[in-house]
Amino acid sequence: MVDTIPPALTPDDPPEARIHEIIRRLRRAHPDAHCELIHEDPWQLLVATILSAQCTDERVNQVTPILFERFPTPRAMADADRAEIEAIIRPTGFYRNKARFLHESAQRIAYDYDGEIPPDMEHLLRLPGVARKTANVVLGVGFNIADGIVVDTHVKRIAHRLGLTTHQDPKKVEKDLMALVPREDWIDFSHLMIFHGRRVCKARKPACTHCTLRDLCPAASV
């Protein structure tokens, strides 16, 4: 039997036909893709992820060492004066809301979960300030549990450009991606997309001429 060469993929092919090649190329282009929030355990990751809303990872990483030195455990933060939390995290923006989320989440973790971060979506979503994106980060990075796909602004933007979804709501975008991406790739997929968004497929000026996905992307050079 003579092996046949599979036909070349095009941007017009359905997402399910292109997704494996998209993932393969992203892995090749960004072998260093990972969560850039510096943390030592799921508790620190949860805190850093809450702080990362509307803030760069770099800025969060400047703030968290001070925060964790002052409040090294959920119990320590649960018993803290919220004003002190606010003062430390102020550079991350929206610091009053974030301080409230951190304080109330720490109290629930300390007193309802014996100081341990619950490793499941249902209980994580009960924590103040935690929606699916944050929960997916904690589960995927902190526990290596693939319960969903992190959808941030980069993932959402690139998924649209690649024609992997037509939705705007992050939950619906995540649902579309979960149906396309093999479960064993869920955790890595968001890291790959985020790195690609920061380095190549930027919001205002995507570098299509340098993009490894150009010949698979309906939005390339448009």
Protein backbone atom coordinates (compact mmCIF):
# COMPACT_ATOMS: atom_id res chain seq x y z
CA MET A 1 0.00 0.00 0.00
CA VAL A 2 1.27 3.46 -0.89
CA ASP A 3 1.02 6.07 1.84
CA THR A 4 -0.98 9.09 0.85
CA ILE A 5 0.00 12.62 1.77
CA PRO A 6 -2.79 14.31 3.70
CA PRO A 7 -4.24 17.36 1.96
CA ALA A 8 -2.93 20.75 3.05
CA LEU A 9 -5.09 22.55 5.57
CA THR A 10 -6.58 25.93 4.80
CA PRO A 11 -8.27 28.65 6.86
CA ASP A 12 -11.56 27.53 5.32
CA ASP A 13 -11.33 24.07 6.85
CA PRO A 14 -13.54 23.52 9.92
CA PRO A 15 -11.97 24.12 13.36
CA GLU A 16 -11.95 20.41 14.22
CA ALA A 17 -9.79 19.75 11.16
CA ARG A 18 -7.26 22.48 12.05
CA ILE A 19 -7.05 22.27 15.85
CA HIS A 20 -4.40 19.52 16.11
CA GLU A 21 -2.07 21.32 13.72
CA ILE A 22 -2.69 24.61 15.53
CA ILE A 23 -1.67 23.05 18.83
CA ARG A 24 1.37 21.35 17.28
CA ARG A 25 2.63 24.59 15.80
CA LEU A 26 2.01 26.58 18.97
CA ARG A 27 4.02 24.03 20.95
CA ARG A 28 6.87 24.37 18.49
CA ALA A 29 6.72 28.18 18.52
CA HIS A 30 6.37 28.57 22.29
CA PRO A 31 8.06 25.62 24.02
CA ASP A 32 8.51 27.77 27.12
CA ALA A 33 4.82 28.59 27.57
CA HIS A 34 3.82 28.43 31.23
CA CYS A 35 1.98 30.31 33.96
CA GLU A 36 4.06 33.41 34.70
CA LEU A 37 2.51 34.12 38.10
CA ILE A 38 5.19 33.27 40.65
CA HIS A 39 3.85 31.02 43.40
CA GLU A 40 4.90 28.18 45.69
CA ASP A 41 1.55 26.50 46.35
CA PRO A 42 -2.14 26.62 45.32
CA TRP A 43 -2.90 29.28 47.96
CA GLN A 44 -0.32 31.67 46.55
CA LEU A 45 -1.50 30.89 43.03
CA LEU A 46 -5.09 31.69 43.96
CA VAL A 47 -4.06 35.02 45.47
CA ALA A 48 -1.88 35.92 42.50
CA THR A 49 -4.60 35.02 40.02
CA ILE A 50 -7.18 37.18 41.80
CA LEU A 51 -4.69 40.06 41.77
CA SER A 52 -3.96 39.57 38.06
CA ALA A 53 -7.39 40.84 36.99
CA GLN A 54 -6.83 44.01 34.95
CA CYS A 55 -3.15 43.88 35.90
CA THR A 56 0.04 42.50 34.36
CA ASP A 57 1.66 39.37 35.74
CA GLU A 58 4.87 41.36 36.14
CA ARG A 59 3.21 43.84 38.48
CA VAL A 60 1.53 41.06 40.46
CA ASN A 61 4.90 39.34 40.88
CA GLN A 62 6.29 42.55 42.36
CA VAL A 63 3.53 42.74 44.95
CA THR A 64 3.03 39.14 46.05
CA PRO A 65 6.39 38.61 47.81
CA ILE A 66 5.53 41.44 50.20
CA LEU A 67 1.99 40.16 50.63
CA PHE A 68 3.04 36.56 51.33
CA GLU A 69 5.77 37.59 53.72
CA ARG A 70 3.19 39.50 55.74
CA PHE A 71 0.41 36.91 55.35
CA PRO A 72 1.99 33.50 54.62
CA THR A 73 -1.17 31.42 55.15
CA PRO A 74 -4.92 31.72 54.58
CA ARG A 75 -5.40 31.96 58.36
CA ALA A 76 -2.97 34.87 58.59
CA MET A 77 -4.79 36.76 55.84
CA ALA A 78 -8.20 35.83 57.24
CA ASP A 79 -7.29 37.50 60.55
CA ALA A 80 -5.70 40.55 58.89
CA ASP A 81 -6.86 44.13 58.89
CA ARG A 82 -8.28 44.59 55.40
CA ALA A 83 -6.79 48.08 55.18
CA GLU A 84 -3.33 46.55 55.43
CA ILE A 85 -4.10 44.18 52.56
CA GLU A 86 -5.34 47.14 50.53
CA ALA A 87 -2.15 49.08 51.15
CA ILE A 88 0.06 46.24 49.96
CA ILE A 89 -1.90 45.34 46.81
CA ARG A 90 -2.74 48.91 45.78
CA PRO A 91 -0.32 48.87 42.79
CA THR A 92 -2.36 46.08 41.15
CA GLY A 93 -5.40 48.33 40.69
CA PHE A 94 -8.99 47.87 41.88
CA TYR A 95 -7.37 47.19 45.22
CA ARG A 96 -10.44 47.63 47.41
CA ASN A 97 -12.44 44.96 45.59
CA LYS A 98 -9.41 42.68 45.35
CA ALA A 99 -8.66 43.10 49.07
CA ARG A 100 -12.25 42.18 49.88
CA PHE A 101 -12.05 39.08 47.67
CA LEU A 102 -8.74 38.02 49.21
CA HIS A 103 -9.88 38.65 52.77
CA GLU A 104 -13.21 36.87 52.41
CA SER A 105 -11.71 33.97 50.42
CA ALA A 106 -9.00 33.55 53.05
CA GLN A 107 -11.64 33.42 55.77
CA ARG A 108 -13.61 30.75 53.96
CA ILE A 109 -10.49 28.70 53.21
CA ALA A 110 -9.18 29.03 56.76
CA TYR A 111 -12.40 28.26 58.59
CA ASP A 112 -14.48 26.19 56.15
CA TYR A 113 -11.74 24.22 54.37
CA ASP A 114 -9.20 23.83 57.19
CA GLY A 115 -6.72 26.12 55.46
CA GLU A 116 -6.54 24.02 52.29
CA ILE A 117 -7.49 25.13 48.79
CA PRO A 118 -10.30 22.85 47.59
CA PRO A 119 -9.15 21.00 44.44
CA ASP A 120 -12.49 21.01 42.65
CA MET A 121 -14.44 23.50 40.55
CA GLU A 122 -17.62 23.48 42.65
CA HIS A 123 -15.93 24.57 45.86
CA LEU A 124 -13.53 27.00 44.20
CA LEU A 125 -16.45 28.84 42.62
CA ARG A 126 -17.86 29.41 46.10
CA LEU A 127 -14.87 31.59 46.99
CA PRO A 128 -15.41 35.35 46.67
CA GLY A 129 -13.80 36.76 43.53
CA VAL A 130 -13.37 33.36 41.90
CA ALA A 131 -15.01 32.69 38.54
CA ARG A 132 -14.22 29.92 36.05
CA LYS A 133 -11.06 31.54 34.71
CA THR A 134 -9.45 31.78 38.14
CA ALA A 135 -10.68 28.33 39.13
CA ASN A 136 -9.25 26.82 35.94
CA VAL A 137 -5.86 28.42 36.62
CA VAL A 138 -5.77 27.05 40.16
CA LEU A 139 -6.91 23.57 39.13
CA GLY A 140 -4.71 23.33 36.04
CA VAL A 141 -1.50 24.90 37.32
CA GLY A 142 -1.86 24.23 41.04
CA PHE A 143 -3.27 20.69 40.92
CA ASN A 144 -2.71 19.56 37.30
CA ILE A 145 -6.44 18.94 37.01
CA ALA A 146 -7.95 19.60 33.57
CA ASP A 147 -11.50 20.65 34.39
CA GLY A 148 -11.74 23.38 31.75
CA ILE A 149 -9.76 25.86 29.64
CA VAL A 150 -8.64 29.25 30.89
CA VAL A 151 -10.20 31.96 28.73
CA ASP A 152 -8.55 35.34 29.20
CA THR A 153 -8.42 38.25 26.74
CA HIS A 154 -5.61 36.65 24.70
CA VAL A 155 -7.33 33.26 24.43
CA LYS A 156 -10.64 34.84 23.53
CA ARG A 157 -9.10 37.15 20.89
CA ILE A 158 -7.02 34.46 19.19
CA ALA A 159 -9.83 31.90 19.29
CA HIS A 160 -11.98 34.41 17.39
CA ARG A 161 -9.28 35.18 14.85
CA LEU A 162 -8.66 31.48 14.26
CA GLY A 163 -12.37 30.85 13.84
CA LEU A 164 -12.53 28.47 16.79
CA THR A 165 -15.55 30.26 18.26
CA THR A 166 -18.08 32.89 17.32
CA HIS A 167 -19.08 33.74 20.88
CA GLN A 168 -18.13 36.69 23.06
CA ASP A 169 -19.15 35.27 26.44
CA PRO A 170 -16.09 33.59 28.03
CA LYS A 171 -18.16 30.63 29.24
CA LYS A 172 -19.41 29.95 25.71
CA VAL A 173 -15.91 30.43 24.28
CA GLU A 174 -14.60 27.92 26.81
CA LYS A 175 -17.34 25.44 25.91
CA ASP A 176 -16.44 25.70 22.21
CA LEU A 177 -12.74 25.21 22.94
CA MET A 178 -13.37 22.25 25.24
CA ALA A 179 -15.26 20.56 22.41
CA LEU A 180 -12.32 21.08 20.03
CA VAL A 181 -9.16 20.71 22.10
CA PRO A 182 -8.24 17.23 23.37
CA ARG A 183 -8.61 17.10 27.14
CA GLU A 184 -4.95 16.22 27.64
CA ASP A 185 -4.08 19.58 26.05
CA TRP A 186 -6.53 21.77 27.99
CA ILE A 187 -4.02 23.03 30.55
CA ASP A 188 -1.22 23.74 28.08
CA PHE A 189 -3.52 25.19 25.44
CA SER A 190 -4.27 28.36 27.38
CA HIS A 191 -0.56 28.94 28.15
CA LEU A 192 0.27 28.51 24.46
CA MET A 193 -2.46 30.90 23.37
CA ILE A 194 -1.48 33.50 25.99
CA PHE A 195 2.19 33.42 24.97
CA HIS A 196 1.18 33.65 21.31
CA GLY A 197 -1.04 36.62 22.10
CA ARG A 198 1.69 38.46 23.97
CA ARG A 199 4.41 37.75 21.43
CA VAL A 200 2.72 37.59 18.03
CA CYS A 201 -1.06 37.90 17.80
CA LYS A 202 -1.33 41.19 19.66
CA ALA A 203 -4.61 43.03 20.04
CA ARG A 204 -3.85 46.18 18.08
CA LYS A 205 -1.23 45.00 15.61
CA PRO A 206 -0.95 41.25 15.07
CA ALA A 207 2.33 40.20 13.43
CA CYS A 208 0.70 38.04 10.78
CA THR A 209 3.78 37.91 8.56
CA HIS A 210 5.73 36.27 11.40
CA CYS A 211 2.92 34.01 12.63
CA THR A 212 3.28 30.24 12.52
CA LEU A 213 -0.50 29.96 12.14
CA ARG A 214 -0.90 32.37 9.24
CA ASP A 215 -1.91 29.76 6.67
CA LEU A 216 -4.49 28.31 9.10
CA CYS A 217 -6.02 31.61 10.24
CA PRO A 218 -9.10 33.16 8.60
CA ALA A 219 -8.13 36.57 10.01
CA ALA A 220 -4.50 36.62 8.82
CA SER A 221 -3.54 39.84 7.06
CA VAL A 222 -7.17 40.97 7.06
